[in-house]
Amino acid sequence: MDLPGPVVCSTKDAHLTSQPEGSEVSARRQFLRTFLHDLATPLSAVSLHLEGASRRLLRGTDPSESLDIARAELSRAFDLFEQGRELLLAQPSTREVFPFDDWVESAARELSTDGIVIEGKTEGKVVGDRSKLADALSALLVNALESQADERGASAGSRLSIVRERQDGRLHVRIENPGLLPSGDPEKLFAPRSSGTGKNWGMGLARARLYAADAGGAVRLTQDGDRVVAVLELPEELA
């Protein structure tokens, strides 16, 4: 009996627990758990389709379809493995004190787009790995820009506003854009193999969460009416 087409890989059965805010150990443990789950899923699909190819060969029929699917799943598994390996084996983060407001502006300029308007000022400072935190912010901004383009049309000339603010001794970058988060648990968007409209869903958000947690911060995604709100928050450096 032939296998019925490609196996759909998802994280719907992954056990995702709530992450204590600012806990690097918890963020890394959660990433590792979902990473291993997501890696096992396409590898299981490879095994199933290779078995299907073997049965077709024994019957004297063409195994090309099963082999092509197995190759595609193996390629996805390899890409996921390389990204996860790079993240898990990354060099320890550097720690430096830097102005929060200037850092947000610099990270936004790196995207080379006119579609971002920065509002608010905190005059505060944070401490952490400036480059990694910029990568975290970039992942959130790219997703918001792509989602906004999907909602309004790439040629609509819409602009994205991000707000710098201080709340309870922590400095926030708040990014809002029209759109809806996928139904179900938004936490699953942080699973490495998660998919969505933005190219940084999944591994990009997982990396952003790890980098933020390493600096004592957090990344959150919430739905506010018809708008998606992404927040990167970091503890303010008062010394």
C-alpha atoms as a PDB file:
ATOM      1  CA  MET A   1       0.000   0.000   0.000  1.00  0.00           C
ATOM      2  CA  ASP A   2       1.456   3.338  -1.033  1.00  0.00           C
ATOM      3  CA  LEU A   3       1.943   6.128   1.464  1.00  0.00           C
ATOM      4  CA  PRO A   4      -0.517   8.993   0.995  1.00  0.00           C
ATOM      5  CA  GLY A   5       1.653  11.977   0.094  1.00  0.00           C
ATOM      6  CA  PRO A   6       3.917  14.077   2.256  1.00  0.00           C
ATOM      7  CA  VAL A   7       3.816  13.970   6.001  1.00  0.00           C
ATOM      8  CA  VAL A   8       2.936  17.386   7.393  1.00  0.00           C
ATOM      9  CA  CYS A   9       5.398  18.430  10.094  1.00  0.00           C
ATOM     10  CA  SER A  10       4.184  20.641  12.889  1.00  0.00           C
ATOM     11  CA  THR A  11       4.695  21.401  16.545  1.00  0.00           C
ATOM     12  CA  LYS A  12       1.096  20.850  17.623  1.00  0.00           C
ATOM     13  CA  ASP A  13       2.071  18.052  20.018  1.00  0.00           C
ATOM     14  CA  ALA A  14       5.084  19.789  21.533  1.00  0.00           C
ATOM     15  CA  HIS A  15       4.775  20.457  25.250  1.00  0.00           C
ATOM     16  CA  LEU A  16       5.467  24.162  25.659  1.00  0.00           C
ATOM     17  CA  THR A  17       5.537  25.466  29.204  1.00  0.00           C
ATOM     18  CA  SER A  18       5.321  29.078  30.300  1.00  0.00           C
ATOM     19  CA  GLN A  19       8.725  30.740  30.538  1.00  0.00           C
ATOM     20  CA  PRO A  20       9.627  32.666  33.699  1.00  0.00           C
ATOM     21  CA  GLU A  21      10.456  36.169  32.567  1.00  0.00           C
ATOM     22  CA  GLY A  22      14.148  36.878  32.185  1.00  0.00           C
ATOM     23  CA  SER A  23      15.281  33.290  32.764  1.00  0.00           C
ATOM     24  CA  GLU A  24      18.018  32.312  30.316  1.00  0.00           C
ATOM     25  CA  VAL A  25      18.119  28.724  31.633  1.00  0.00           C
ATOM     26  CA  SER A  26      14.382  28.283  31.127  1.00  0.00           C
ATOM     27  CA  ALA A  27      14.492  29.820  27.641  1.00  0.00           C
ATOM     28  CA  ARG A  28      17.373  27.575  26.585  1.00  0.00           C
ATOM     29  CA  ARG A  29      15.726  24.473  28.044  1.00  0.00           C
ATOM     30  CA  GLN A  30      12.456  25.258  26.279  1.00  0.00           C
ATOM     31  CA  PHE A  31      14.260  25.890  22.999  1.00  0.00           C
ATOM     32  CA  LEU A  32      16.168  22.597  23.264  1.00  0.00           C
ATOM     33  CA  ARG A  33      13.007  20.614  24.035  1.00  0.00           C
ATOM     34  CA  THR A  34      11.048  21.995  21.085  1.00  0.00           C
ATOM     35  CA  PHE A  35      14.098  21.897  18.811  1.00  0.00           C
ATOM     36  CA  LEU A  36      14.569  18.161  19.397  1.00  0.00           C
ATOM     37  CA  HIS A  37      10.852  17.544  18.887  1.00  0.00           C
ATOM     38  CA  ASP A  38      10.800  19.512  15.655  1.00  0.00           C
ATOM     39  CA  LEU A  39      13.926  17.767  14.391  1.00  0.00           C
ATOM     40  CA  ALA A  40      12.496  14.308  15.104  1.00  0.00           C
ATOM     41  CA  THR A  41       9.339  15.038  13.091  1.00  0.00           C
ATOM     42  CA  PRO A  42      10.912  15.395   9.592  1.00  0.00           C
ATOM     43  CA  LEU A  43      13.329  12.547  10.353  1.00  0.00           C
ATOM     44  CA  SER A  44      10.341  10.307  11.072  1.00  0.00           C
ATOM     45  CA  ALA A  45       8.853  11.413   7.746  1.00  0.00           C
ATOM     46  CA  VAL A  46      12.110  10.442   5.997  1.00  0.00           C
ATOM     47  CA  SER A  47      11.939   6.961   7.508  1.00  0.00           C
ATOM     48  CA  LEU A  48       8.291   6.490   6.510  1.00  0.00           C
ATOM     49  CA  HIS A  49       8.843   7.498   2.901  1.00  0.00           C
ATOM     50  CA  LEU A  50      11.980   5.396   2.543  1.00  0.00           C
ATOM     51  CA  GLU A  51       9.927   2.426   3.683  1.00  0.00           C
ATOM     52  CA  GLY A  52       7.355   3.364   1.069  1.00  0.00           C
ATOM     53  CA  ALA A  53      10.064   3.529  -1.619  1.00  0.00           C
ATOM     54  CA  SER A  54      11.317   0.086  -0.558  1.00  0.00           C
ATOM     55  CA  ARG A  55       7.824  -1.421  -0.890  1.00  0.00           C
ATOM     56  CA  ARG A  56       7.401   0.116  -4.325  1.00  0.00           C
ATOM     57  CA  LEU A  57      10.718  -1.322  -5.472  1.00  0.00           C
ATOM     58  CA  LEU A  58       9.710  -4.768  -4.265  1.00  0.00           C
ATOM     59  CA  ARG A  59       6.486  -4.467  -6.281  1.00  0.00           C
ATOM     60  CA  GLY A  60       8.403  -3.288  -9.317  1.00  0.00           C
ATOM     61  CA  THR A  61       6.826   0.189  -9.319  1.00  0.00           C
ATOM     62  CA  ASP A  62       8.477   3.596  -9.530  1.00  0.00           C
ATOM     63  CA  PRO A  63       9.732   4.781  -6.094  1.00  0.00           C
ATOM     64  CA  SER A  64      10.596   8.311  -7.311  1.00  0.00           C
ATOM     65  CA  GLU A  65       7.754  10.109  -5.529  1.00  0.00           C
ATOM     66  CA  SER A  66       8.560   8.598  -2.127  1.00  0.00           C
ATOM     67  CA  LEU A  67      12.274   9.251  -2.591  1.00  0.00           C
ATOM     68  CA  ASP A  68      11.672  12.865  -3.599  1.00  0.00           C
ATOM     69  CA  ILE A  69       9.544  13.471  -0.506  1.00  0.00           C
ATOM     70  CA  ALA A  70      12.143  11.797   1.708  1.00  0.00           C
ATOM     71  CA  ARG A  71      14.872  13.963   0.196  1.00  0.00           C
ATOM     72  CA  ALA A  72      12.838  17.141   0.766  1.00  0.00           C
ATOM     73  CA  GLU A  73      12.179  16.233   4.414  1.00  0.00           C
ATOM     74  CA  LEU A  74      15.831  15.337   4.931  1.00  0.00           C
ATOM     75  CA  SER A  75      16.863  18.715   3.519  1.00  0.00           C
ATOM     76  CA  ARG A  76      14.473  20.510   5.885  1.00  0.00           C
ATOM     77  CA  ALA A  77      15.796  18.506   8.827  1.00  0.00           C
ATOM     78  CA  PHE A  78      19.392  19.355   7.889  1.00  0.00           C
ATOM     79  CA  ASP A  79      18.639  23.079   7.596  1.00  0.00           C
ATOM     80  CA  LEU A  80      16.888  23.059  10.969  1.00  0.00           C
ATOM     81  CA  PHE A  81      19.746  21.106  12.559  1.00  0.00           C
ATOM     82  CA  GLU A  82      22.382  23.538  11.270  1.00  0.00           C
ATOM     83  CA  GLN A  83      20.476  26.574  12.539  1.00  0.00           C
ATOM     84  CA  GLY A  84      19.887  25.004  15.937  1.00  0.00           C
ATOM     85  CA  ARG A  85      23.462  23.801  16.206  1.00  0.00           C
ATOM     86  CA  GLU A  86      24.782  27.275  15.428  1.00  0.00           C
ATOM     87  CA  LEU A  87      22.553  28.793  18.089  1.00  0.00           C
ATOM     88  CA  LEU A  88      23.329  26.221  20.783  1.00  0.00           C
ATOM     89  CA  LEU A  89      27.100  26.376  20.206  1.00  0.00           C
ATOM     90  CA  ALA A  90      27.310  30.143  19.842  1.00  0.00           C
ATOM     91  CA  GLN A  91      30.051  32.000  21.650  1.00  0.00           C
ATOM     92  CA  PRO A  92      29.101  33.399  25.085  1.00  0.00           C
ATOM     93  CA  SER A  93      27.414  36.751  24.891  1.00  0.00           C
ATOM     94  CA  THR A  94      29.419  39.891  25.483  1.00  0.00           C
ATOM     95  CA  ARG A  95      28.142  42.414  27.993  1.00  0.00           C
ATOM     96  CA  GLU A  96      28.330  46.140  27.507  1.00  0.00           C
ATOM     97  CA  VAL A  97      26.306  49.111  28.674  1.00  0.00           C
ATOM     98  CA  PHE A  98      24.753  51.125  25.853  1.00  0.00           C
ATOM     99  CA  PRO A  99      22.049  53.790  25.327  1.00  0.00           C
ATOM    100  CA  PHE A 100      18.701  52.119  24.665  1.00  0.00           C
ATOM    101  CA  ASP A 101      17.204  54.820  22.416  1.00  0.00           C
ATOM    102  CA  ASP A 102      20.240  55.032  20.118  1.00  0.00           C
ATOM    103  CA  TRP A 103      20.454  51.247  19.904  1.00  0.00           C
ATOM    104  CA  VAL A 104      16.817  50.948  18.741  1.00  0.00           C
ATOM    105  CA  GLU A 105      17.400  53.570  16.027  1.00  0.00           C
ATOM    106  CA  SER A 106      20.600  51.855  14.877  1.00  0.00           C
ATOM    107  CA  ALA A 107      18.944  48.422  14.697  1.00  0.00           C
ATOM    108  CA  ALA A 108      16.045  49.856  12.689  1.00  0.00           C
ATOM    109  CA  ARG A 109      18.396  51.594  10.223  1.00  0.00           C
ATOM    110  CA  GLU A 110      20.092  48.269   9.493  1.00  0.00           C
ATOM    111  CA  LEU A 111      16.905  47.140   7.739  1.00  0.00           C
ATOM    112  CA  SER A 112      17.404  49.851   5.072  1.00  0.00           C
ATOM    113  CA  THR A 113      13.721  50.676   4.786  1.00  0.00           C
ATOM    114  CA  ASP A 114      11.708  53.896   4.972  1.00  0.00           C
ATOM    115  CA  GLY A 115       8.711  52.080   6.432  1.00  0.00           C
ATOM    116  CA  ILE A 116       9.619  52.537  10.116  1.00  0.00           C
ATOM    117  CA  VAL A 117       8.737  55.474  12.386  1.00  0.00           C
ATOM    118  CA  ILE A 118      10.285  55.498  15.869  1.00  0.00           C
ATOM    119  CA  GLU A 119       8.354  57.189  18.675  1.00  0.00           C
ATOM    120  CA  GLY A 120       9.058  57.932  22.323  1.00  0.00           C
ATOM    121  CA  LYS A 121      12.261  58.365  24.282  1.00  0.00           C
ATOM    122  CA  THR A 122      13.490  56.772  27.492  1.00  0.00           C
ATOM    123  CA  GLU A 123      16.985  58.287  27.908  1.00  0.00           C
ATOM    124  CA  GLY A 124      17.797  54.948  29.528  1.00  0.00           C
ATOM    125  CA  LYS A 125      20.617  52.443  29.260  1.00  0.00           C
ATOM    126  CA  VAL A 126      20.682  48.634  29.100  1.00  0.00           C
ATOM    127  CA  VAL A 127      23.416  46.028  29.415  1.00  0.00           C
ATOM    128  CA  GLY A 128      23.883  42.998  27.196  1.00  0.00           C
ATOM    129  CA  ASP A 129      25.225  41.790  23.868  1.00  0.00           C
ATOM    130  CA  ARG A 130      24.378  44.720  21.598  1.00  0.00           C
ATOM    131  CA  SER A 131      24.723  42.739  18.355  1.00  0.00           C
ATOM    132  CA  LYS A 132      22.617  39.763  19.461  1.00  0.00           C
ATOM    133  CA  LEU A 133      19.917  42.007  20.855  1.00  0.00           C
ATOM    134  CA  ALA A 134      19.864  43.871  17.532  1.00  0.00           C
ATOM    135  CA  ASP A 135      19.274  40.514  15.799  1.00  0.00           C
ATOM    136  CA  ALA A 136      16.369  39.875  18.176  1.00  0.00           C
ATOM    137  CA  LEU A 137      14.794  43.255  17.429  1.00  0.00           C
ATOM    138  CA  SER A 138      15.378  42.820  13.701  1.00  0.00           C
ATOM    139  CA  ALA A 139      13.460  39.518  13.702  1.00  0.00           C
ATOM    140  CA  LEU A 140      10.441  41.224  15.259  1.00  0.00           C
ATOM    141  CA  LEU A 141      10.620  44.209  12.892  1.00  0.00           C
ATOM    142  CA  VAL A 142      10.929  42.114   9.735  1.00  0.00           C
ATOM    143  CA  ASN A 143       7.912  40.016  10.702  1.00  0.00           C
ATOM    144  CA  ALA A 144       5.867  43.138  11.413  1.00  0.00           C
ATOM    145  CA  LEU A 145       6.843  44.766   8.106  1.00  0.00           C
ATOM    146  CA  GLU A 146       6.026  41.631   6.111  1.00  0.00           C
ATOM    147  CA  SER A 147       2.723  41.158   7.902  1.00  0.00           C
ATOM    148  CA  GLN A 148       1.792  44.804   7.300  1.00  0.00           C
ATOM    149  CA  ALA A 149       2.641  44.486   3.612  1.00  0.00           C
ATOM    150  CA  ASP A 150       0.419  41.396   3.378  1.00  0.00           C
ATOM    151  CA  GLU A 151      -2.459  43.247   5.032  1.00  0.00           C
ATOM    152  CA  ARG A 152      -2.292  46.513   3.061  1.00  0.00           C
ATOM    153  CA  GLY A 153      -0.373  45.634  -0.078  1.00  0.00           C
ATOM    154  CA  ALA A 154       3.325  46.111  -0.668  1.00  0.00           C
ATOM    155  CA  SER A 155       2.754  49.294  -2.693  1.00  0.00           C
ATOM    156  CA  ALA A 156       0.427  50.988  -0.207  1.00  0.00           C
ATOM    157  CA  GLY A 157       3.252  53.014   1.333  1.00  0.00           C
ATOM    158  CA  SER A 158       2.204  52.176   4.881  1.00  0.00           C
ATOM    159  CA  ARG A 159       4.584  52.937   7.727  1.00  0.00           C
ATOM    160  CA  LEU A 160       5.340  50.911  10.814  1.00  0.00           C
ATOM    161  CA  SER A 161       5.521  52.653  14.189  1.00  0.00           C
ATOM    162  CA  ILE A 162       7.655  51.329  17.015  1.00  0.00           C
ATOM    163  CA  VAL A 163       7.496  52.864  20.468  1.00  0.00           C
ATOM    164  CA  ARG A 164      10.255  53.140  23.047  1.00  0.00           C
ATOM    165  CA  GLU A 165       8.912  53.287  26.586  1.00  0.00           C
ATOM    166  CA  ARG A 166       9.696  52.583  30.226  1.00  0.00           C
ATOM    167  CA  GLN A 167       7.488  50.344  32.370  1.00  0.00           C
ATOM    168  CA  ASP A 168       8.223  49.152  35.906  1.00  0.00           C
ATOM    169  CA  GLY A 169      11.960  49.691  35.641  1.00  0.00           C
ATOM    170  CA  ARG A 170      12.235  47.960  32.262  1.00  0.00           C
ATOM    171  CA  LEU A 171      12.731  49.475  28.827  1.00  0.00           C
ATOM    172  CA  HIS A 172      10.381  48.298  26.073  1.00  0.00           C
ATOM    173  CA  VAL A 173      10.357  48.344  22.299  1.00  0.00           C
ATOM    174  CA  ARG A 174       6.706  47.911  21.324  1.00  0.00           C
ATOM    175  CA  ILE A 175       5.881  47.079  17.701  1.00  0.00           C
ATOM    176  CA  GLU A 176       2.284  46.988  16.459  1.00  0.00           C
ATOM    177  CA  ASN A 177       0.987  46.020  13.057  1.00  0.00           C
ATOM    178  CA  PRO A 178      -2.393  45.049  11.567  1.00  0.00           C
ATOM    179  CA  GLY A 179      -2.941  41.318  11.474  1.00  0.00           C
ATOM    180  CA  LEU A 180      -3.848  38.203  13.389  1.00  0.00           C
ATOM    181  CA  LEU A 181      -1.660  35.681  15.134  1.00  0.00           C
ATOM    182  CA  PRO A 182      -2.260  32.064  14.073  1.00  0.00           C
ATOM    183  CA  SER A 183      -5.096  30.515  16.046  1.00  0.00           C
ATOM    184  CA  GLY A 184      -4.251  28.446  19.080  1.00  0.00           C
ATOM    185  CA  ASP A 185      -1.349  28.982  21.449  1.00  0.00           C
ATOM    186  CA  PRO A 186       0.881  31.900  20.303  1.00  0.00           C
ATOM    187  CA  GLU A 187       3.739  30.275  22.228  1.00  0.00           C
ATOM    188  CA  LYS A 188       4.019  27.745  19.428  1.00  0.00           C
ATOM    189  CA  LEU A 189       5.296  30.487  17.144  1.00  0.00           C
ATOM    190  CA  PHE A 190       8.517  30.311  19.163  1.00  0.00           C
ATOM    191  CA  ALA A 191       9.023  26.644  18.269  1.00  0.00           C
ATOM    192  CA  PRO A 192      11.971  26.386  15.805  1.00  0.00           C
ATOM    193  CA  ARG A 193       9.984  24.688  13.034  1.00  0.00           C
ATOM    194  CA  SER A 194       6.902  26.856  13.386  1.00  0.00           C
ATOM    195  CA  SER A 195       5.690  28.534  10.209  1.00  0.00           C
ATOM    196  CA  GLY A 196       3.774  31.733   9.622  1.00  0.00           C
ATOM    197  CA  THR A 197       3.549  34.659   7.260  1.00  0.00           C
ATOM    198  CA  GLY A 198       6.835  36.163   8.440  1.00  0.00           C
ATOM    199  CA  LYS A 199      10.147  34.561   7.537  1.00  0.00           C
ATOM    200  CA  ASN A 200      11.357  34.977  11.116  1.00  0.00           C
ATOM    201  CA  TRP A 201       8.577  32.991  12.767  1.00  0.00           C
ATOM    202  CA  GLY A 202       9.989  29.890  14.410  1.00  0.00           C
ATOM    203  CA  MET A 203      13.784  29.920  14.527  1.00  0.00           C
ATOM    204  CA  GLY A 204      13.948  33.711  14.289  1.00  0.00           C
ATOM    205  CA  LEU A 205      11.640  34.130  17.301  1.00  0.00           C
ATOM    206  CA  ALA A 206      13.373  31.316  19.185  1.00  0.00           C
ATOM    207  CA  ARG A 207      16.688  33.107  18.684  1.00  0.00           C
ATOM    208  CA  ALA A 208      15.159  36.439  19.725  1.00  0.00           C
ATOM    209  CA  ARG A 209      13.801  34.915  22.931  1.00  0.00           C
ATOM    210  CA  LEU A 210      17.150  33.364  23.828  1.00  0.00           C
ATOM    211  CA  TYR A 211      19.076  36.561  23.182  1.00  0.00           C
ATOM    212  CA  ALA A 212      16.619  38.632  25.210  1.00  0.00           C
ATOM    213  CA  ALA A 213      16.617  36.153  28.114  1.00  0.00           C
ATOM    214  CA  ASP A 214      20.415  36.195  28.135  1.00  0.00           C
ATOM    215  CA  ALA A 215      20.221  39.923  28.911  1.00  0.00           C
ATOM    216  CA  GLY A 216      17.537  39.422  31.572  1.00  0.00           C
ATOM    217  CA  GLY A 217      14.733  40.447  29.218  1.00  0.00           C
ATOM    218  CA  ALA A 218      11.842  38.859  27.388  1.00  0.00           C
ATOM    219  CA  VAL A 219      10.034  38.746  24.034  1.00  0.00           C
ATOM    220  CA  ARG A 220       6.246  38.609  23.910  1.00  0.00           C
ATOM    221  CA  LEU A 221       3.627  38.365  21.167  1.00  0.00           C
ATOM    222  CA  THR A 222       0.002  39.238  21.892  1.00  0.00           C
ATOM    223  CA  GLN A 223      -3.194  39.976  19.995  1.00  0.00           C
ATOM    224  CA  ASP A 224      -4.833  43.356  20.642  1.00  0.00           C
ATOM    225  CA  GLY A 225      -8.039  43.510  18.630  1.00  0.00           C
ATOM    226  CA  ASP A 226      -7.063  43.412  14.974  1.00  0.00           C
ATOM    227  CA  ARG A 227      -3.417  44.220  15.708  1.00  0.00           C
ATOM    228  CA  VAL A 228      -0.411  42.058  16.582  1.00  0.00           C
ATOM    229  CA  VAL A 229       1.773  43.493  19.344  1.00  0.00           C
ATOM    230  CA  ALA A 230       5.406  42.398  19.676  1.00  0.00           C
ATOM    231  CA  VAL A 231       7.415  43.581  22.670  1.00  0.00           C
ATOM    232  CA  LEU A 232      11.118  43.288  23.397  1.00  0.00           C
ATOM    233  CA  GLU A 233      11.796  44.327  26.975  1.00  0.00           C
ATOM    234  CA  LEU A 234      15.097  44.684  28.801  1.00  0.00           C
ATOM    235  CA  PRO A 235      15.980  45.626  32.379  1.00  0.00           C
ATOM    236  CA  GLU A 236      17.179  49.204  32.723  1.00  0.00           C
ATOM    237  CA  GLU A 237      20.807  49.654  33.775  1.00  0.00           C
ATOM    238  CA  LEU A 238      20.856  52.177  36.625  1.00  0.00           C
ATOM    239  CA  ALA A 239      24.508  52.005  37.695  1.00  0.00           C
END
